[in-house]
Amino acid sequence: MQKYEASVIDVFADDLYSRAGTIVAISTLIYGSIGLAAGYFAFKGLGATLGVLIGAGLGFYLGQQKAFILKLQAQTALCQAQIERNTRSKEQGARMPEITKASDPAQAAATTMGTCSSCKARIPTHSKTCPNCMASFSPGSAWQVMP
């Protein structure tokens, strides 16, 4: 199973915005060319001018509509990624066990820190799950807290 990567969503959103920027120009050119050809063959001279204007106008309008849909998809993906970041930071604060400074050296030694084998975060060795990547350290799990 693939691991979640927030950067993939950012790259996806950048790609959608890039496509949205070019789709208006491309659709205007394509529809303008079709209008030019249709106007020329149907009405000759002035018909070509009228055909290119109508075709380009229609292409521009349709390109704007498609660009809006692409930008909306990008914003939806970015919004979901931001919700995940906000939720993860709140869960991390809520799930991270409080390590209190102990006046007793034996108690301080009992709260030793280890490393999550999944995301390499520093966590207490007695943790059942990693607060960063939510890896489970149950007895049958492949993930373990490394000393």
Protein backbone atom coordinates (compact mmCIF):
# COMPACT_ATOMS: atom_id res chain seq x y z
CA MET A 1 0.00 0.00 0.00
CA GLN A 2 1.31 3.44 -0.88
CA LYS A 3 2.03 5.97 1.84
CA TYR A 4 0.16 9.30 1.87
CA GLU A 5 2.15 12.23 0.49
CA ALA A 6 0.70 15.74 0.72
CA SER A 7 3.16 17.02 -1.90
CA VAL A 8 1.41 14.93 -4.58
CA ILE A 9 -1.77 16.97 -4.05
CA ASP A 10 0.18 20.23 -4.37
CA VAL A 11 1.76 19.06 -7.64
CA PHE A 12 -1.68 17.95 -8.89
CA ALA A 13 -3.18 21.36 -8.08
CA ASP A 14 -0.29 23.18 -9.80
CA ASP A 15 -0.80 21.02 -12.90
CA LEU A 16 -4.53 21.77 -12.94
CA TYR A 17 -3.88 25.52 -12.70
CA SER A 18 -1.34 25.27 -15.52
CA ARG A 19 -3.83 23.42 -17.72
CA ALA A 20 -6.54 25.95 -16.86
CA GLY A 21 -4.28 28.75 -18.05
CA THR A 22 -3.62 27.20 -21.45
CA ILE A 23 -7.01 25.67 -22.18
CA VAL A 24 -8.64 29.05 -22.86
CA ALA A 25 -6.06 29.97 -25.51
CA ILE A 26 -6.10 26.54 -27.11
CA SER A 27 -9.89 26.29 -27.31
CA THR A 28 -10.09 29.85 -28.69
CA LEU A 29 -7.60 28.97 -31.44
CA ILE A 30 -9.24 25.65 -32.30
CA TYR A 31 -12.79 27.00 -32.42
CA GLY A 32 -11.59 30.11 -34.26
CA SER A 33 -9.93 27.93 -36.91
CA ILE A 34 -13.05 25.82 -37.28
CA GLY A 35 -15.16 28.99 -37.58
CA LEU A 36 -12.75 30.41 -40.16
CA ALA A 37 -12.94 27.28 -42.32
CA ALA A 38 -16.72 26.95 -41.97
CA GLY A 39 -17.31 30.64 -42.74
CA TYR A 40 -14.97 30.62 -45.71
CA PHE A 41 -16.49 27.52 -47.33
CA ALA A 42 -20.06 28.59 -46.63
CA PHE A 43 -19.94 32.33 -47.45
CA LYS A 44 -16.45 33.10 -48.81
CA GLY A 45 -14.68 36.44 -47.99
CA LEU A 46 -16.66 38.22 -45.25
CA GLY A 47 -18.09 34.90 -44.04
CA ALA A 48 -14.58 33.82 -43.02
CA THR A 49 -14.20 36.90 -40.83
CA LEU A 50 -17.61 36.40 -39.26
CA GLY A 51 -16.91 32.67 -38.81
CA VAL A 52 -13.59 33.27 -37.05
CA LEU A 53 -15.17 35.84 -34.71
CA ILE A 54 -18.08 33.57 -33.76
CA GLY A 55 -15.85 30.49 -33.49
CA ALA A 56 -13.22 32.26 -31.38
CA GLY A 57 -15.90 33.76 -29.13
CA LEU A 58 -17.48 30.35 -28.61
CA GLY A 59 -14.06 28.77 -28.01
CA PHE A 60 -13.16 31.45 -25.48
CA TYR A 61 -16.44 30.94 -23.60
CA LEU A 62 -16.11 27.14 -23.54
CA GLY A 63 -12.44 27.42 -22.55
CA GLN A 64 -13.36 29.70 -19.64
CA GLN A 65 -15.94 27.15 -18.47
CA LYS A 66 -13.45 24.28 -18.61
CA ALA A 67 -10.77 26.40 -16.90
CA PHE A 68 -13.19 27.18 -14.08
CA ILE A 69 -13.89 23.47 -13.57
CA LEU A 70 -10.15 22.71 -13.46
CA LYS A 71 -9.51 25.52 -10.96
CA LEU A 72 -12.40 24.28 -8.83
CA GLN A 73 -10.91 20.76 -8.81
CA ALA A 74 -7.54 22.20 -7.79
CA GLN A 75 -9.11 24.23 -4.98
CA THR A 76 -11.04 21.17 -3.76
CA ALA A 77 -7.84 19.11 -3.62
CA LEU A 78 -5.97 21.90 -1.83
CA CYS A 79 -8.84 22.32 0.64
CA GLN A 80 -8.82 18.60 1.43
CA ALA A 81 -5.05 18.66 1.93
CA GLN A 82 -5.36 21.65 4.28
CA ILE A 83 -8.12 19.91 6.25
CA GLU A 84 -5.85 16.88 6.59
CA ARG A 85 -2.94 19.05 7.78
CA ASN A 86 -5.14 20.81 10.33
CA THR A 87 -6.64 17.53 11.55
CA ARG A 88 -3.25 15.84 11.75
CA SER A 89 -1.75 18.67 13.83
CA LYS A 90 -4.72 18.60 16.23
CA GLU A 91 -4.58 14.80 16.52
CA GLN A 92 -0.84 14.93 17.03
CA GLY A 93 -1.28 17.32 19.94
CA ALA A 94 -4.12 15.26 21.42
CA ARG A 95 -2.53 11.82 20.96
CA MET A 96 1.03 12.62 21.95
CA PRO A 97 1.46 11.41 25.51
CA GLU A 98 2.61 14.08 27.86
CA ILE A 99 6.15 13.47 29.03
CA THR A 100 6.46 15.14 32.36
CA LYS A 101 9.71 15.96 34.01
CA ALA A 102 10.05 13.54 36.82
CA SER A 103 11.81 14.33 40.01
CA ASP A 104 12.51 10.62 40.32
CA PRO A 105 15.34 9.43 37.98
CA ALA A 106 13.77 5.94 37.74
CA GLN A 107 10.54 7.44 36.38
CA ALA A 108 12.49 9.62 33.92
CA ALA A 109 14.28 6.53 32.61
CA ALA A 110 10.91 4.80 32.11
CA THR A 111 9.88 7.41 29.52
CA THR A 112 12.62 6.65 27.02
CA MET A 113 12.26 7.83 23.47
CA GLY A 114 12.45 5.74 20.32
CA THR A 115 12.04 6.19 16.58
CA CYS A 116 8.99 5.21 14.53
CA SER A 117 10.12 2.72 11.89
CA SER A 118 7.59 4.15 9.43
CA CYS A 119 8.18 7.93 9.49
CA LYS A 120 11.31 8.22 11.69
CA ALA A 121 9.58 10.49 14.24
CA ARG A 122 10.84 10.55 17.84
CA ILE A 123 8.17 9.03 20.09
CA PRO A 124 8.01 7.34 23.51
CA THR A 125 8.95 3.67 23.27
CA HIS A 126 5.73 2.62 25.03
CA SER A 127 3.50 4.25 22.33
CA LYS A 128 0.80 2.11 20.71
CA THR A 129 0.53 4.35 17.61
CA CYS A 130 2.71 7.00 16.00
CA PRO A 131 1.06 10.44 16.27
CA ASN A 132 2.69 11.57 12.99
CA CYS A 133 1.89 8.74 10.58
CA MET A 134 -0.65 6.77 12.67
CA ALA A 135 1.40 3.55 12.32
CA SER A 136 0.14 0.93 14.76
CA PHE A 137 2.67 -0.85 16.96
CA SER A 138 0.47 -3.80 17.91
CA PRO A 139 2.16 -7.19 18.46
CA GLY A 140 1.25 -8.45 14.96
CA SER A 141 2.22 -5.23 13.17
CA ALA A 142 5.21 -4.81 10.89
CA TRP A 143 5.90 -1.37 12.41
CA GLN A 144 7.90 -1.15 15.63
CA VAL A 145 9.34 1.60 17.80
CA MET A 146 13.09 1.46 17.32
CA PRO A 147 15.24 2.33 20.36
